[in-house]
Amino acid sequence: MNSFYFLACLFFTVISAAFYFATHPHFKNIYGKKEWNTWTRRVFYWQGTLAVGSLGTFAVLYFLRTAAVVSF
């Protein structure tokens, strides 16, 4: 079970970081400096980042399990 948690944390971190680096400059330019510094825009952005990271982690682990690459 420890390998499952390690893989889950690793995939979540990698997917979330990839999403952040791919989308952060784009959204920051769209909203502008003043609007980006408000709580509303940042909370929605980080909620989206967490959702993409969670769903991406679930999808990768599910695919690895069904392909019999790993067993938990």
C-alpha atoms as a PDB file:
ATOM      1  CA  MET A   1       0.000   0.000   0.000  1.00  0.00           C
ATOM      2  CA  ASN A   2       2.947   2.339   0.496  1.00  0.00           C
ATOM      3  CA  SER A   3       3.828   2.147  -3.192  1.00  0.00           C
ATOM      4  CA  PHE A   4       0.275   3.218  -4.059  1.00  0.00           C
ATOM      5  CA  TYR A   5       0.539   6.368  -1.948  1.00  0.00           C
ATOM      6  CA  PHE A   6       3.983   7.131  -3.315  1.00  0.00           C
ATOM      7  CA  LEU A   7       2.801   6.773  -6.913  1.00  0.00           C
ATOM      8  CA  ALA A   8      -0.342   8.797  -6.239  1.00  0.00           C
ATOM      9  CA  CYS A   9       1.643  11.674  -4.703  1.00  0.00           C
ATOM     10  CA  LEU A  10       4.202  11.555  -7.489  1.00  0.00           C
ATOM     11  CA  PHE A  11       1.611  11.607 -10.279  1.00  0.00           C
ATOM     12  CA  PHE A  12      -0.423  14.336  -8.568  1.00  0.00           C
ATOM     13  CA  THR A  13       2.633  16.547  -8.180  1.00  0.00           C
ATOM     14  CA  VAL A  14       3.809  16.035 -11.757  1.00  0.00           C
ATOM     15  CA  ILE A  15       0.376  16.563 -13.334  1.00  0.00           C
ATOM     16  CA  SER A  16      -0.396  19.628 -11.206  1.00  0.00           C
ATOM     17  CA  ALA A  17       3.003  21.176 -11.911  1.00  0.00           C
ATOM     18  CA  ALA A  18       2.641  20.550 -15.640  1.00  0.00           C
ATOM     19  CA  PHE A  19      -0.805  22.170 -15.620  1.00  0.00           C
ATOM     20  CA  TYR A  20       0.515  25.122 -13.621  1.00  0.00           C
ATOM     21  CA  PHE A  21       3.477  25.779 -15.914  1.00  0.00           C
ATOM     22  CA  ALA A  22       1.325  25.389 -19.029  1.00  0.00           C
ATOM     23  CA  THR A  23      -1.553  27.645 -17.987  1.00  0.00           C
ATOM     24  CA  HIS A  24      -0.338  30.131 -15.360  1.00  0.00           C
ATOM     25  CA  PRO A  25       1.192  32.707 -17.738  1.00  0.00           C
ATOM     26  CA  HIS A  26      -1.839  32.507 -20.019  1.00  0.00           C
ATOM     27  CA  PHE A  27      -4.374  33.235 -17.291  1.00  0.00           C
ATOM     28  CA  LYS A  28      -2.193  35.887 -15.698  1.00  0.00           C
ATOM     29  CA  ASN A  29      -2.017  37.764 -19.009  1.00  0.00           C
ATOM     30  CA  ILE A  30      -5.755  37.449 -19.643  1.00  0.00           C
ATOM     31  CA  TYR A  31      -6.826  38.894 -16.293  1.00  0.00           C
ATOM     32  CA  GLY A  32      -4.101  41.511 -15.914  1.00  0.00           C
ATOM     33  CA  LYS A  33      -2.044  42.264 -12.831  1.00  0.00           C
ATOM     34  CA  LYS A  34      -4.758  44.084 -10.874  1.00  0.00           C
ATOM     35  CA  GLU A  35      -7.473  41.494 -11.440  1.00  0.00           C
ATOM     36  CA  TRP A  36      -5.088  38.550 -10.940  1.00  0.00           C
ATOM     37  CA  ASN A  37      -4.133  39.796  -7.470  1.00  0.00           C
ATOM     38  CA  THR A  38      -7.689  39.445  -6.180  1.00  0.00           C
ATOM     39  CA  TRP A  39      -8.760  36.378  -4.215  1.00  0.00           C
ATOM     40  CA  THR A  40     -11.533  35.418  -6.587  1.00  0.00           C
ATOM     41  CA  ARG A  41      -9.391  34.741  -9.654  1.00  0.00           C
ATOM     42  CA  ARG A  42      -6.679  32.894  -7.775  1.00  0.00           C
ATOM     43  CA  VAL A  43      -9.058  30.659  -5.831  1.00  0.00           C
ATOM     44  CA  PHE A  44     -10.815  29.562  -9.006  1.00  0.00           C
ATOM     45  CA  TYR A  45      -7.472  28.958 -10.724  1.00  0.00           C
ATOM     46  CA  TRP A  46      -6.151  26.797  -7.883  1.00  0.00           C
ATOM     47  CA  GLN A  47      -9.423  24.899  -7.642  1.00  0.00           C
ATOM     48  CA  GLY A  48      -9.046  24.063 -11.303  1.00  0.00           C
ATOM     49  CA  THR A  49      -5.433  23.044 -10.813  1.00  0.00           C
ATOM     50  CA  LEU A  50      -6.366  20.711  -7.958  1.00  0.00           C
ATOM     51  CA  ALA A  51      -9.236  19.226  -9.952  1.00  0.00           C
ATOM     52  CA  VAL A  52      -7.043  18.566 -13.004  1.00  0.00           C
ATOM     53  CA  GLY A  53      -4.310  17.071 -10.815  1.00  0.00           C
ATOM     54  CA  SER A  54      -6.766  14.815  -8.970  1.00  0.00           C
ATOM     55  CA  LEU A  55      -8.610  13.613 -12.052  1.00  0.00           C
ATOM     56  CA  GLY A  56      -5.364  13.134 -13.946  1.00  0.00           C
ATOM     57  CA  THR A  57      -3.911  11.086 -11.094  1.00  0.00           C
ATOM     58  CA  PHE A  58      -7.030   8.946 -10.918  1.00  0.00           C
ATOM     59  CA  ALA A  59      -6.969   8.351 -14.675  1.00  0.00           C
ATOM     60  CA  VAL A  60      -3.281   7.401 -14.764  1.00  0.00           C
ATOM     61  CA  LEU A  61      -3.544   5.043 -11.782  1.00  0.00           C
ATOM     62  CA  TYR A  62      -6.712   3.467 -13.188  1.00  0.00           C
ATOM     63  CA  PHE A  63      -5.031   2.938 -16.557  1.00  0.00           C
ATOM     64  CA  LEU A  64      -1.938   1.408 -14.940  1.00  0.00           C
ATOM     65  CA  ARG A  65      -4.098  -0.914 -12.862  1.00  0.00           C
ATOM     66  CA  THR A  66      -6.268  -2.087 -15.781  1.00  0.00           C
ATOM     67  CA  ALA A  67      -3.184  -2.587 -17.959  1.00  0.00           C
ATOM     68  CA  ALA A  68      -1.741  -4.794 -15.192  1.00  0.00           C
ATOM     69  CA  VAL A  69       1.388  -2.686 -14.921  1.00  0.00           C
ATOM     70  CA  VAL A  70       0.943  -2.264 -11.177  1.00  0.00           C
ATOM     71  CA  SER A  71      -1.197  -4.098  -8.657  1.00  0.00           C
ATOM     72  CA  PHE A  72      -2.552  -2.655  -5.435  1.00  0.00           C
END
